[in-house]
Every structure is written in structure tokens, then in C-alpha cells.
Amino acid sequence: MGSVTTAFLVAGGIGLVVLLLSLLVGDVLHFGHPEADGPFSVPTVAGFIGAFGFVGAVGSLLAPAGTTWSIVVGALAGVVAAVPMGWFATRLARAAANMRTDATPTRADLVGTMGVVVSPIPAQGYGEVRVSLGGQPVKVNARAEHPIPRGARVFVIEATSSTSVIVEETPFLEEA
């Protein structure tokens, strides 16, 4: 393997390392400019350099003997692969940044949920119930008009705060 091929491989490796850093720790360490988008974003430049280097190394190995031909063929092959890879990296980064997500649950989302009493609810105090909020089990403080024992099924009728609700006991319904 010649020095031209090694140089292309080093460029490809640098592009790969920069791409991995931008994807894995980019948001944590603010790697790259947060508003950069399009052809000069970190993922786009890293994808371009990586493809240029790795495909350029293959091109330089397949070139006829001679350093000049290795450089020319490697550079041409690298550019041919790097342009679409840069475009693809831009599209992929935009798709990831603009991905739709579910809304963050609020206390209003507690109203109407079914739950189970995990700490008995006394007549004039708070107990605890477990409800499902956004698909996740959540334990909240609960009070009711009358005492409710542990294990009873309840229905949330009001959310007085994000960690406290008012509930009513519901009959246990057997599944058919």
C-alpha cells in the first residue's frame, strides 16, 4: 500500500471519527455550530470527507502504476462518492432533527386515567395511586371522598397538581 492510499485512508478515518463525534456527543459537548445546516453542517462535511477518503483509497489502489495516476484516480473516485454521501448525510441529519415526537404529558393528561391504589387513601388524607401516563407507570398522591383500600381500582376525576389527584373507586371489571 502506497503513501497516496494511506493518505486517503487517513482522510476517511478522520471523516468517520468526526461523524461519530457529531452523532454521539454533538449535542452534549456542542460539537459544531448548532444552527449549521445544509452543505456546511458537521455531519455533511464529515460524511463527505469520509466517503472521499475511503473511496479515494480504493480508487488509488485500482489506478495504473504511478503516484500521479493514483492521486488523480483516487481524487476523482472520492469526489464521485463524496457528493452523494454529503447529500445523504444532509438529508439524514435534517430528518433526525425534524422528527416528530409525542407531546410531553401534562397534569391535564392525568384526568380520566385508570389506576390502582398502592398506599391506602384515608378519609381526610393522601394515599398513593399508580396510573399509566404516556405509556409509563407513574405514582402520584391521591385523595378521595371516602377511604379506599390498597389494591382498589380508581378513576382520576381531577388533577390538583402534577403530583396530586382526586380519585373515585371503580368496580373491578372482569375481562371477557
Protein backbone atom coordinates (compact mmCIF):
# COMPACT_ATOMS: atom_id res chain seq x y z
CA MET A 1 0.00 0.00 0.00
CA GLY A 2 1.44 3.32 -1.06
CA SER A 3 1.57 6.66 0.65
CA VAL A 4 -1.27 8.03 -1.52
CA THR A 5 -3.60 5.23 -0.42
CA THR A 6 -2.57 5.76 3.19
CA ALA A 7 -3.33 9.47 2.94
CA PHE A 8 -6.80 8.72 1.54
CA LEU A 9 -7.44 6.19 4.34
CA VAL A 10 -6.37 8.71 6.98
CA ALA A 11 -8.77 11.29 5.50
CA GLY A 12 -11.56 8.70 5.53
CA GLY A 13 -10.78 7.79 9.14
CA ILE A 14 -10.84 11.46 10.19
CA GLY A 15 -14.20 11.90 8.48
CA LEU A 16 -15.57 8.82 10.26
CA VAL A 17 -14.32 9.97 13.68
CA VAL A 18 -15.79 13.46 13.20
CA LEU A 19 -19.11 11.94 12.09
CA LEU A 20 -19.24 9.65 15.13
CA LEU A 21 -18.38 12.54 17.47
CA SER A 22 -21.09 14.72 15.96
CA LEU A 23 -23.71 11.99 16.27
CA LEU A 24 -22.78 10.63 19.70
CA VAL A 25 -21.67 13.68 21.67
CA GLY A 26 -22.52 16.61 19.40
CA ASP A 27 -25.43 17.88 21.49
CA VAL A 28 -23.71 17.24 24.81
CA LEU A 29 -20.40 18.94 24.03
CA HIS A 30 -21.80 21.38 21.45
CA PHE A 31 -19.57 19.91 18.76
CA GLY A 32 -20.02 22.10 15.67
CA HIS A 33 -22.29 25.11 15.31
CA PRO A 34 -25.83 24.25 16.50
CA GLU A 35 -27.51 26.29 13.75
CA ALA A 36 -25.35 24.98 10.89
CA ASP A 37 -27.46 23.20 8.32
CA GLY A 38 -27.11 22.16 4.74
CA PRO A 39 -23.80 21.64 2.97
CA PHE A 40 -21.66 23.01 5.82
CA SER A 41 -23.12 21.13 8.78
CA VAL A 42 -20.74 18.83 10.67
CA PRO A 43 -22.46 15.57 9.61
CA THR A 44 -22.44 16.65 5.95
CA VAL A 45 -18.76 17.64 5.92
CA ALA A 46 -17.79 14.52 7.89
CA GLY A 47 -19.75 12.24 5.54
CA PHE A 48 -18.18 13.96 2.53
CA ILE A 49 -14.63 13.63 3.88
CA GLY A 50 -15.17 10.02 4.99
CA ALA A 51 -16.54 8.91 1.62
CA PHE A 52 -13.87 10.89 -0.23
CA GLY A 53 -11.12 9.24 1.79
CA PHE A 54 -12.30 5.63 1.75
CA VAL A 55 -13.43 5.54 -1.89
CA GLY A 56 -10.35 7.56 -2.88
CA ALA A 57 -8.18 4.87 -1.26
CA VAL A 58 -9.89 2.17 -3.33
CA GLY A 59 -9.50 4.29 -6.47
CA SER A 60 -5.81 4.85 -5.82
CA LEU A 61 -5.26 1.10 -5.37
CA LEU A 62 -7.01 0.35 -8.65
CA ALA A 63 -5.17 3.08 -10.60
CA PRO A 64 -2.37 2.28 -13.04
CA ALA A 65 1.13 2.40 -11.57
CA GLY A 66 2.44 5.85 -10.73
CA THR A 67 1.83 8.38 -7.99
CA THR A 68 0.18 10.92 -10.30
CA TRP A 69 -2.37 8.42 -11.59
CA SER A 70 -3.07 7.20 -8.04
CA ILE A 71 -3.80 10.76 -6.91
CA VAL A 72 -5.96 11.62 -9.95
CA VAL A 73 -8.00 8.40 -9.98
CA GLY A 74 -8.33 8.40 -6.19
CA ALA A 75 -9.49 12.02 -6.11
CA LEU A 76 -12.00 11.51 -8.93
CA ALA A 77 -13.40 8.34 -7.36
CA GLY A 78 -13.55 10.10 -3.97
CA VAL A 79 -15.48 13.08 -5.33
CA VAL A 80 -17.89 10.83 -7.23
CA ALA A 81 -18.73 9.03 -3.97
CA ALA A 82 -18.46 12.02 -1.62
CA VAL A 83 -21.03 14.28 -3.29
CA PRO A 84 -23.96 11.85 -2.93
CA MET A 85 -22.77 10.87 0.55
CA GLY A 86 -22.73 14.54 1.63
CA TRP A 87 -26.24 14.99 0.20
CA PHE A 88 -27.44 11.84 2.01
CA ALA A 89 -25.86 12.96 5.30
CA THR A 90 -27.62 16.33 4.99
CA ARG A 91 -30.98 14.66 4.38
CA LEU A 92 -30.46 12.20 7.23
CA ALA A 93 -29.42 14.93 9.70
CA ARG A 94 -32.46 17.05 8.74
CA ALA A 95 -34.79 14.08 9.11
CA ALA A 96 -33.40 13.32 12.56
CA ALA A 97 -33.59 16.97 13.68
CA ASN A 98 -37.16 17.44 12.44
CA MET A 99 -38.52 14.12 13.66
CA ARG A 100 -41.97 14.41 15.20
CA THR A 101 -42.30 13.27 18.80
CA ASP A 102 -45.19 12.88 21.19
CA ALA A 103 -46.13 15.85 23.33
CA THR A 104 -44.86 15.93 26.89
CA PRO A 105 -47.60 14.71 29.24
CA THR A 106 -49.15 17.39 31.49
CA ARG A 107 -51.26 17.20 34.60
CA ALA A 108 -54.39 17.52 32.45
CA ASP A 109 -53.46 14.16 30.90
CA LEU A 110 -53.92 12.53 34.33
CA VAL A 111 -57.66 13.24 34.31
CA GLY A 112 -59.60 10.24 33.03
CA THR A 113 -56.89 7.65 33.63
CA MET A 114 -57.47 4.42 35.50
CA GLY A 115 -55.17 3.41 38.30
CA VAL A 116 -54.55 1.16 41.29
CA VAL A 117 -54.18 2.25 44.90
CA VAL A 118 -50.66 1.40 46.13
CA SER A 119 -50.90 3.15 49.52
CA PRO A 120 -54.36 3.21 51.17
CA ILE A 121 -56.22 6.50 50.87
CA PRO A 122 -57.55 7.66 54.28
CA ALA A 123 -60.74 9.70 54.74
CA GLN A 124 -59.02 13.06 55.28
CA GLY A 125 -55.57 12.50 53.81
CA TYR A 126 -53.49 11.35 50.94
CA GLY A 127 -52.59 7.90 49.72
CA GLU A 128 -50.84 6.90 46.53
CA VAL A 129 -52.08 5.54 43.23
CA ARG A 130 -50.26 4.18 40.19
CA VAL A 131 -51.58 5.33 36.83
CA SER A 132 -50.27 4.99 33.30
CA LEU A 133 -49.25 8.30 31.73
CA GLY A 134 -47.80 8.30 28.23
CA GLY A 135 -47.38 4.54 28.45
CA GLN A 136 -45.29 4.77 31.61
CA PRO A 137 -46.38 3.87 35.14
CA VAL A 138 -46.48 6.96 37.36
CA LYS A 139 -47.11 7.06 41.11
CA VAL A 140 -48.98 10.15 42.34
CA ASN A 141 -50.54 11.29 45.62
CA ALA A 142 -54.28 10.78 45.75
CA ARG A 143 -57.22 11.69 47.91
CA ALA A 144 -60.87 10.71 47.78
CA GLU A 145 -64.21 11.49 49.48
CA HIS A 146 -64.07 8.22 51.43
CA PRO A 147 -61.28 5.76 52.38
CA ILE A 148 -60.08 3.45 49.62
CA PRO A 149 -58.05 0.30 50.42
CA ARG A 150 -54.80 -0.80 48.82
CA GLY A 151 -55.29 -2.67 45.53
CA ALA A 152 -58.60 -0.97 44.66
CA ARG A 153 -59.12 0.25 41.10
CA VAL A 154 -59.66 4.01 40.82
CA PHE A 155 -60.55 6.62 38.22
CA VAL A 156 -58.87 10.05 38.27
CA ILE A 157 -61.53 12.79 38.25
CA GLU A 158 -59.29 15.80 38.89
CA ALA A 159 -55.59 16.68 38.88
CA THR A 160 -54.93 19.27 41.57
CA SER A 161 -51.22 19.41 40.67
CA SER A 162 -48.75 17.43 38.58
CA THR A 163 -48.20 15.06 41.55
CA SER A 164 -51.63 15.04 43.22
CA VAL A 165 -55.03 13.82 42.06
CA ILE A 166 -58.57 13.26 43.29
CA VAL A 167 -59.94 9.80 42.56
CA GLU A 168 -63.12 7.72 42.77
CA GLU A 169 -63.18 3.99 43.35
CA THR A 170 -64.45 1.96 40.41
CA PRO A 171 -65.76 -1.59 40.42
CA PHE A 172 -63.32 -4.23 39.29
CA LEU A 173 -64.42 -5.39 35.84
CA GLU A 174 -63.51 -8.89 34.67
CA GLU A 175 -62.13 -9.10 31.16
CA ALA A 176 -64.23 -11.26 28.82
